[in-house]
Amino acid sequence: EGWSTASSSVRAMGFGAGMGLPNMKRNADE
């Protein structure tokens, strides 16, 4: 959680917080 390779411009738009894969895993059964 929180680790991301998103660019600073992507982060400035509010994306790339490093929660994508962890949130996917948390909400999927597999």
Full PDB file with SEQRES, HELIX, SHEET, SSBOND, CRYST1, ORIGX, SCALE, CONECT and MASTER records, all heavy atoms in Angstrom:
SEQRES   1 A   30  GLU GLY TRP SER THR ALA SER SER SER VAL ARG ALA MET          
SEQRES   2 A   30  GLY PHE GLY ALA GLY MET GLY LEU PRO ASN MET LYS ARG          
SEQRES   3 A   30  ASN ALA ASP GLU                                              
HELIX    1 AA1 SER A    8  ALA A   12  1                                   5    
HELIX    2 AA2 GLY A   20  ASN A   27  1                                   8    
CRYST1    1.000    1.000    1.000  90.00  90.00  90.00 P 1           1          
ORIGX1      1.000000  0.000000  0.000000        0.00000                         
ORIGX2      0.000000  1.000000  0.000000        0.00000                         
ORIGX3      0.000000  0.000000  1.000000        0.00000                         
SCALE1      1.000000  0.000000  0.000000        0.00000                         
SCALE2      0.000000  1.000000  0.000000        0.00000                         
SCALE3      0.000000  0.000000  1.000000        0.00000                         
ATOM      1  N   GLU A   1       0.836  -1.198   0.000  1.00  0.00           N  
ATOM      2  CA  GLU A   1       0.000   0.000   0.000  1.00  0.00           C  
ATOM      3  C   GLU A   1       0.870   1.246   0.000  1.00  0.00           C  
ATOM      4  O   GLU A   1       1.803   1.362   0.791  1.00  0.00           O  
ATOM      5  CB  GLU A   1      -0.935   0.005   1.207  1.00  0.00           C  
ATOM      6  CG  GLU A   1      -1.998  -1.062   1.118  1.00  0.00           C  
ATOM      7  CD  GLU A   1      -3.032  -0.979   2.217  1.00  0.00           C  
ATOM      8  OE1 GLU A   1      -3.040   0.011   2.978  1.00  0.00           O  
ATOM      9  OE2 GLU A   1      -3.836  -1.917   2.314  1.00  0.00           O  
ATOM     10  N   GLY A   2       0.565   2.159  -0.916  1.00  0.00           N  
ATOM     11  CA  GLY A   2       1.277   3.431  -0.984  1.00  0.00           C  
ATOM     12  C   GLY A   2       2.462   3.437  -1.926  1.00  0.00           C  
ATOM     13  O   GLY A   2       2.992   4.499  -2.239  1.00  0.00           O  
ATOM     14  N   TRP A   3       2.887   2.269  -2.407  1.00  0.00           N  
ATOM     15  CA  TRP A   3       4.028   2.230  -3.331  1.00  0.00           C  
ATOM     16  C   TRP A   3       3.504   2.416  -4.745  1.00  0.00           C  
ATOM     17  O   TRP A   3       2.553   1.769  -5.159  1.00  0.00           O  
ATOM     18  CB  TRP A   3       4.767   0.899  -3.209  1.00  0.00           C  
ATOM     19  CG  TRP A   3       6.056   0.898  -3.966  1.00  0.00           C  
ATOM     20  CD1 TRP A   3       7.254   1.381  -3.543  1.00  0.00           C  
ATOM     21  CD2 TRP A   3       6.269   0.428  -5.297  1.00  0.00           C  
ATOM     22  NE1 TRP A   3       8.203   1.229  -4.525  1.00  0.00           N  
ATOM     23  CE2 TRP A   3       7.623   0.639  -5.624  1.00  0.00           C  
ATOM     24  CE3 TRP A   3       5.450  -0.155  -6.262  1.00  0.00           C  
ATOM     25  CZ2 TRP A   3       8.174   0.297  -6.843  1.00  0.00           C  
ATOM     26  CZ3 TRP A   3       5.988  -0.501  -7.481  1.00  0.00           C  
ATOM     27  CH2 TRP A   3       7.347  -0.280  -7.754  1.00  0.00           C  
ATOM     28  N   SER A   4       4.102   3.339  -5.490  1.00  0.00           N  
ATOM     29  CA  SER A   4       3.617   3.635  -6.834  1.00  0.00           C  
ATOM     30  C   SER A   4       4.753   4.098  -7.735  1.00  0.00           C  
ATOM     31  O   SER A   4       5.705   4.723  -7.265  1.00  0.00           O  
ATOM     32  CB  SER A   4       2.553   4.745  -6.774  1.00  0.00           C  
ATOM     33  OG  SER A   4       2.111   5.077  -8.071  1.00  0.00           O  
ATOM     34  N   THR A   5       4.608   3.790  -9.000  1.00  0.00           N  
ATOM     35  CA  THR A   5       5.547   4.293 -10.011  1.00  0.00           C  
ATOM     36  C   THR A   5       4.889   5.395 -10.844  1.00  0.00           C  
ATOM     37  O   THR A   5       5.434   5.801 -11.866  1.00  0.00           O  
ATOM     38  CB  THR A   5       6.025   3.159 -10.943  1.00  0.00           C  
ATOM     39  OG1 THR A   5       4.882   2.576 -11.589  1.00  0.00           O  
ATOM     40  CG2 THR A   5       6.797   2.103 -10.173  1.00  0.00           C  
ATOM     41  N   ALA A   6       3.741   5.884 -10.406  1.00  0.00           N  
ATOM     42  CA  ALA A   6       3.036   6.940 -11.149  1.00  0.00           C  
ATOM     43  C   ALA A   6       3.869   8.213 -11.181  1.00  0.00           C  
ATOM     44  O   ALA A   6       4.555   8.558 -10.210  1.00  0.00           O  
ATOM     45  CB  ALA A   6       1.682   7.222 -10.513  1.00  0.00           C  
ATOM     46  N   SER A   7       3.783   8.915 -12.298  1.00  0.00           N  
ATOM     47  CA  SER A   7       4.516  10.174 -12.452  1.00  0.00           C  
ATOM     48  C   SER A   7       3.930  11.258 -11.556  1.00  0.00           C  
ATOM     49  O   SER A   7       2.798  11.156 -11.084  1.00  0.00           O  
ATOM     50  CB  SER A   7       4.457  10.624 -13.908  1.00  0.00           C  
ATOM     51  OG  SER A   7       3.127  11.008 -14.238  1.00  0.00           O  
ATOM     52  N   SER A   8       4.683  12.324 -11.362  1.00  0.00           N  
ATOM     53  CA  SER A   8       4.194  13.430 -10.538  1.00  0.00           C  
ATOM     54  C   SER A   8       2.987  14.100 -11.185  1.00  0.00           C  
ATOM     55  O   SER A   8       2.090  14.562 -10.488  1.00  0.00           O  
ATOM     56  CB  SER A   8       5.310  14.441 -10.275  1.00  0.00           C  
ATOM     57  OG  SER A   8       5.855  14.908 -11.487  1.00  0.00           O  
ATOM     58  N   SER A   9       2.932  14.127 -12.506  1.00  0.00           N  
ATOM     59  CA  SER A   9       1.770  14.740 -13.174  1.00  0.00           C  
ATOM     60  C   SER A   9       0.510  13.905 -12.947  1.00  0.00           C  
ATOM     61  O   SER A   9      -0.579  14.452 -12.777  1.00  0.00           O  
ATOM     62  CB  SER A   9       2.028  14.936 -14.670  1.00  0.00           C  
ATOM     63  OG  SER A   9       2.248  13.703 -15.304  1.00  0.00           O  
ATOM     64  N   VAL A  10       0.648  12.583 -12.930  1.00  0.00           N  
ATOM     65  CA  VAL A  10      -0.495  11.701 -12.652  1.00  0.00           C  
ATOM     66  C   VAL A  10      -0.937  11.886 -11.206  1.00  0.00           C  
ATOM     67  O   VAL A  10      -2.126  11.979 -10.913  1.00  0.00           O  
ATOM     68  CB  VAL A  10      -0.131  10.229 -12.952  1.00  0.00           C  
ATOM     69  CG1 VAL A  10      -1.161   9.270 -12.366  1.00  0.00           C  
ATOM     70  CG2 VAL A  10       0.015  10.012 -14.452  1.00  0.00           C  
ATOM     71  N   ARG A  11       0.013  11.986 -10.305  1.00  0.00           N  
ATOM     72  CA  ARG A  11      -0.320  12.196  -8.888  1.00  0.00           C  
ATOM     73  C   ARG A  11      -0.996  13.545  -8.667  1.00  0.00           C  
ATOM     74  O   ARG A  11      -1.893  13.670  -7.838  1.00  0.00           O  
ATOM     75  CB  ARG A  11       0.931  12.073  -8.024  1.00  0.00           C  
ATOM     76  CG  ARG A  11       1.429  10.654  -7.943  1.00  0.00           C  
ATOM     77  CD  ARG A  11       2.700  10.574  -7.142  1.00  0.00           C  
ATOM     78  NE  ARG A  11       3.278   9.262  -7.291  1.00  0.00           N  
ATOM     79  CZ  ARG A  11       3.863   8.601  -6.324  1.00  0.00           C  
ATOM     80  NH1 ARG A  11       3.982   9.138  -5.129  1.00  0.00           N  
ATOM     81  NH2 ARG A  11       4.371   7.409  -6.545  1.00  0.00           N  
ATOM     82  N   ALA A  12      -0.578  14.544  -9.427  1.00  0.00           N  
ATOM     83  CA  ALA A  12      -1.191  15.872  -9.315  1.00  0.00           C  
ATOM     84  C   ALA A  12      -2.662  15.844  -9.728  1.00  0.00           C  
ATOM     85  O   ALA A  12      -3.451  16.659  -9.265  1.00  0.00           O  
ATOM     86  CB  ALA A  12      -0.421  16.881 -10.166  1.00  0.00           C  
ATOM     87  N   MET A  13      -3.032  14.888 -10.574  1.00  0.00           N  
ATOM     88  CA  MET A  13      -4.440  14.725 -10.979  1.00  0.00           C  
ATOM     89  C   MET A  13      -5.246  13.939  -9.944  1.00  0.00           C  
ATOM     90  O   MET A  13      -6.453  13.777 -10.083  1.00  0.00           O  
ATOM     91  CB  MET A  13      -4.525  14.003 -12.329  1.00  0.00           C  
ATOM     92  CG  MET A  13      -4.086  14.835 -13.494  1.00  0.00           C  
ATOM     93  SD  MET A  13      -4.442  14.024 -15.080  1.00  0.00           S  
ATOM     94  CE  MET A  13      -3.157  12.793 -15.144  1.00  0.00           C  
ATOM     95  N   GLY A  14      -4.562  13.417  -8.905  1.00  0.00           N  
ATOM     96  CA  GLY A  14      -5.259  12.684  -7.862  1.00  0.00           C  
ATOM     97  C   GLY A  14      -5.208  11.178  -8.030  1.00  0.00           C  
ATOM     98  O   GLY A  14      -5.891  10.445  -7.317  1.00  0.00           O  
ATOM     99  N   PHE A  15      -4.403  10.695  -8.975  1.00  0.00           N  
ATOM    100  CA  PHE A  15      -4.264   9.258  -9.198  1.00  0.00           C  
ATOM    101  C   PHE A  15      -2.880   8.808  -8.737  1.00  0.00           C  
ATOM    102  O   PHE A  15      -2.034   9.614  -8.400  1.00  0.00           O  
ATOM    103  CB  PHE A  15      -4.427   8.933 -10.692  1.00  0.00           C  
ATOM    104  CG  PHE A  15      -5.767   9.304 -11.251  1.00  0.00           C  
ATOM    105  CD1 PHE A  15      -5.905  10.445 -12.025  1.00  0.00           C  
ATOM    106  CD2 PHE A  15      -6.876   8.514 -11.014  1.00  0.00           C  
ATOM    107  CE1 PHE A  15      -7.143  10.787 -12.556  1.00  0.00           C  
ATOM    108  CE2 PHE A  15      -8.110   8.850 -11.539  1.00  0.00           C  
ATOM    109  CZ  PHE A  15      -8.249   9.994 -12.314  1.00  0.00           C  
ATOM    110  N   GLY A  16      -2.646   7.484  -8.772  1.00  0.00           N  
ATOM    111  CA  GLY A  16      -1.309   6.968  -8.506  1.00  0.00           C  
ATOM    112  C   GLY A  16      -0.909   6.950  -7.051  1.00  0.00           C  
ATOM    113  O   GLY A  16       0.260   7.092  -6.725  1.00  0.00           O  
ATOM    114  N   ALA A  17      -1.876   6.729  -6.157  1.00  0.00           N  
ATOM    115  CA  ALA A  17      -1.573   6.718  -4.722  1.00  0.00           C  
ATOM    116  C   ALA A  17      -1.008   5.387  -4.240  1.00  0.00           C  
ATOM    117  O   ALA A  17      -0.701   5.243  -3.068  1.00  0.00           O  
ATOM    118  CB  ALA A  17      -2.836   7.049  -3.922  1.00  0.00           C  
ATOM    119  N   GLY A  18      -0.902   4.420  -5.140  1.00  0.00           N  
ATOM    120  CA  GLY A  18      -0.355   3.134  -4.750  1.00  0.00           C  
ATOM    121  C   GLY A  18      -1.344   2.240  -4.031  1.00  0.00           C  
ATOM    122  O   GLY A  18      -0.958   1.376  -3.251  1.00  0.00           O  
ATOM    123  N   MET A  19      -2.623   2.425  -4.290  1.00  0.00           N  
ATOM    124  CA  MET A  19      -3.642   1.607  -3.640  1.00  0.00           C  
ATOM    125  C   MET A  19      -4.377   0.694  -4.616  1.00  0.00           C  
ATOM    126  O   MET A  19      -5.213  -0.112  -4.204  1.00  0.00           O  
ATOM    127  CB  MET A  19      -4.660   2.515  -2.930  1.00  0.00           C  
ATOM    128  CG  MET A  19      -4.075   3.278  -1.761  1.00  0.00           C  
ATOM    129  SD  MET A  19      -3.329   2.216  -0.508  1.00  0.00           S  
ATOM    130  CE  MET A  19      -4.751   1.329   0.077  1.00  0.00           C  
ATOM    131  N   GLY A  20      -4.080   0.791  -5.908  1.00  0.00           N  
ATOM    132  CA  GLY A  20      -4.802   0.024  -6.923  1.00  0.00           C  
ATOM    133  C   GLY A  20      -4.750  -1.475  -6.708  1.00  0.00           C  
ATOM    134  O   GLY A  20      -5.788  -2.119  -6.480  1.00  0.00           O  
ATOM    135  N   LEU A  21      -3.565  -2.060  -6.787  1.00  0.00           N  
ATOM    136  CA  LEU A  21      -3.452  -3.517  -6.617  1.00  0.00           C  
ATOM    137  C   LEU A  21      -3.891  -3.975  -5.225  1.00  0.00           C  
ATOM    138  O   LEU A  21      -4.624  -4.967  -5.113  1.00  0.00           O  
ATOM    139  CB  LEU A  21      -2.027  -3.987  -6.930  1.00  0.00           C  
ATOM    140  CG  LEU A  21      -1.639  -3.965  -8.411  1.00  0.00           C  
ATOM    141  CD1 LEU A  21      -0.161  -4.283  -8.581  1.00  0.00           C  
ATOM    142  CD2 LEU A  21      -2.487  -4.933  -9.213  1.00  0.00           C  
ATOM    143  N   PRO A  22      -3.498  -3.273  -4.139  1.00  0.00           N  
ATOM    144  CA  PRO A  22      -4.005  -3.697  -2.828  1.00  0.00           C  
ATOM    145  C   PRO A  22      -5.537  -3.659  -2.728  1.00  0.00           C  
ATOM    146  O   PRO A  22      -6.144  -4.570  -2.148  1.00  0.00           O  
ATOM    147  CB  PRO A  22      -3.360  -2.700  -1.851  1.00  0.00           C  
ATOM    148  CG  PRO A  22      -2.092  -2.287  -2.532  1.00  0.00           C  
ATOM    149  CD  PRO A  22      -2.459  -2.233  -3.992  1.00  0.00           C  
ATOM    150  N   ASN A  23      -6.173  -2.642  -3.305  1.00  0.00           N  
ATOM    151  CA  ASN A  23      -7.637  -2.578  -3.275  1.00  0.00           C  
ATOM    152  C   ASN A  23      -8.260  -3.690  -4.109  1.00  0.00           C  
ATOM    153  O   ASN A  23      -9.309  -4.238  -3.744  1.00  0.00           O  
ATOM    154  CB  ASN A  23      -8.135  -1.216  -3.770  1.00  0.00           C  
ATOM    155  CG  ASN A  23      -8.053  -0.154  -2.703  1.00  0.00           C  
ATOM    156  OD1 ASN A  23      -8.010  -0.445  -1.513  1.00  0.00           O  
ATOM    157  ND2 ASN A  23      -8.012   1.101  -3.129  1.00  0.00           N  
ATOM    158  N   MET A  24      -7.624  -4.021  -5.228  1.00  0.00           N  
ATOM    159  CA  MET A  24      -8.125  -5.116  -6.056  1.00  0.00           C  
ATOM    160  C   MET A  24      -8.062  -6.425  -5.270  1.00  0.00           C  
ATOM    161  O   MET A  24      -9.032  -7.189  -5.237  1.00  0.00           O  
ATOM    162  CB  MET A  24      -7.311  -5.199  -7.355  1.00  0.00           C  
ATOM    163  CG  MET A  24      -7.553  -4.004  -8.269  1.00  0.00           C  
ATOM    164  SD  MET A  24      -6.240  -3.730  -9.487  1.00  0.00           S  
ATOM    165  CE  MET A  24      -6.434  -5.128 -10.561  1.00  0.00           C  
ATOM    166  N   LYS A  25      -6.936  -6.678  -4.633  1.00  0.00           N  
ATOM    167  CA  LYS A  25      -6.769  -7.915  -3.858  1.00  0.00           C  
ATOM    168  C   LYS A  25      -7.751  -7.969  -2.685  1.00  0.00           C  
ATOM    169  O   LYS A  25      -8.335  -9.016  -2.398  1.00  0.00           O  
ATOM    170  CB  LYS A  25      -5.337  -8.027  -3.342  1.00  0.00           C  
ATOM    171  CG  LYS A  25      -5.077  -9.336  -2.600  1.00  0.00           C  
ATOM    172  CD  LYS A  25      -3.614  -9.502  -2.307  1.00  0.00           C  
ATOM    173  CE  LYS A  25      -3.326 -10.758  -1.533  1.00  0.00           C  
ATOM    174  NZ  LYS A  25      -3.581 -11.987  -2.234  1.00  0.00           N  
ATOM    175  N   ARG A  26      -7.955  -6.847  -2.032  1.00  0.00           N  
ATOM    176  CA  ARG A  26      -8.856  -6.778  -0.879  1.00  0.00           C  
ATOM    177  C   ARG A  26     -10.314  -7.082  -1.276  1.00  0.00           C  
ATOM    178  O   ARG A  26     -11.060  -7.672  -0.511  1.00  0.00           O  
ATOM    179  CB  ARG A  26      -8.755  -5.386  -0.245  1.00  0.00           C  
ATOM    180  CG  ARG A  26      -9.460  -5.211   1.059  1.00  0.00           C  
ATOM    181  CD  ARG A  26      -9.243  -3.862   1.752  1.00  0.00           C  
ATOM    182  NE  ARG A  26      -8.471  -2.842   1.085  1.00  0.00           N  
ATOM    183  CZ  ARG A  26      -7.156  -2.651   1.221  1.00  0.00           C  
ATOM    184  NH1 ARG A  26      -6.455  -3.452   1.992  1.00  0.00           N  
ATOM    185  NH2 ARG A  26      -6.539  -1.684   0.586  1.00  0.00           N  
ATOM    186  N   ASN A  27     -10.707  -6.689  -2.481  1.00  0.00           N  
ATOM    187  CA  ASN A  27     -12.102  -6.845  -2.893  1.00  0.00           C  
ATOM    188  C   ASN A  27     -12.386  -8.116  -3.682  1.00  0.00           C  
ATOM    189  O   ASN A  27     -13.542  -8.496  -3.841  1.00  0.00           O  
ATOM    190  CB  ASN A  27     -12.549  -5.623  -3.690  1.00  0.00           C  
ATOM    191  CG  ASN A  27     -12.858  -4.466  -2.780  1.00  0.00           C  
ATOM    192  OD1 ASN A  27     -13.922  -4.413  -2.180  1.00  0.00           O  
ATOM    193  ND2 ASN A  27     -11.916  -3.550  -2.629  1.00  0.00           N  
ATOM    194  N   ALA A  28     -11.356  -8.782  -4.190  1.00  0.00           N  
ATOM    195  CA  ALA A  28     -11.537 -10.031  -4.921  1.00  0.00           C  
ATOM    196  C   ALA A  28     -11.384 -11.206  -3.966  1.00  0.00           C  
ATOM    197  O   ALA A  28     -10.679 -11.117  -2.964  1.00  0.00           O  
ATOM    198  CB  ALA A  28     -10.498 -10.132  -6.040  1.00  0.00           C  
ATOM    199  N   ASP A  29     -12.047 -12.311  -4.275  1.00  0.00           N  
ATOM    200  CA  ASP A  29     -11.848 -13.534  -3.492  1.00  0.00           C  
ATOM    201  C   ASP A  29     -10.543 -14.214  -3.908  1.00  0.00           C  
ATOM    202  O   ASP A  29      -9.877 -14.832  -3.086  1.00  0.00           O  
ATOM    203  CB  ASP A  29     -13.032 -14.485  -3.675  1.00  0.00           C  
ATOM    204  CG  ASP A  29     -14.302 -13.918  -3.053  1.00  0.00           C  
ATOM    205  OD1 ASP A  29     -14.241 -13.471  -1.888  1.00  0.00           O  
ATOM    206  OD2 ASP A  29     -15.339 -13.904  -3.732  1.00  0.00           O  
ATOM    207  N   GLU A  30     -10.214 -14.089  -5.175  1.00  0.00           N  
ATOM    208  CA  GLU A  30      -8.954 -14.617  -5.696  1.00  0.00           C  
ATOM    209  C   GLU A  30      -8.389 -13.605  -6.682  1.00  0.00           C  
ATOM    210  O   GLU A  30      -9.148 -12.966  -7.421  1.00  0.00           O  
ATOM    211  CB  GLU A  30      -9.166 -15.944  -6.440  1.00  0.00           C  
ATOM    212  CG  GLU A  30      -9.689 -17.059  -5.595  1.00  0.00           C  
ATOM    213  CD  GLU A  30     -10.048 -18.306  -6.401  1.00  0.00           C  
ATOM    214  OE1 GLU A  30      -9.749 -18.379  -7.607  1.00  0.00           O  
ATOM    215  OE2 GLU A  30     -10.656 -19.205  -5.794  1.00  0.00           O  
TER     216      GLU A  30                                                      
MASTER        0    0    0    2    0    0    0    6  215    1    0    3          
END                                                                             
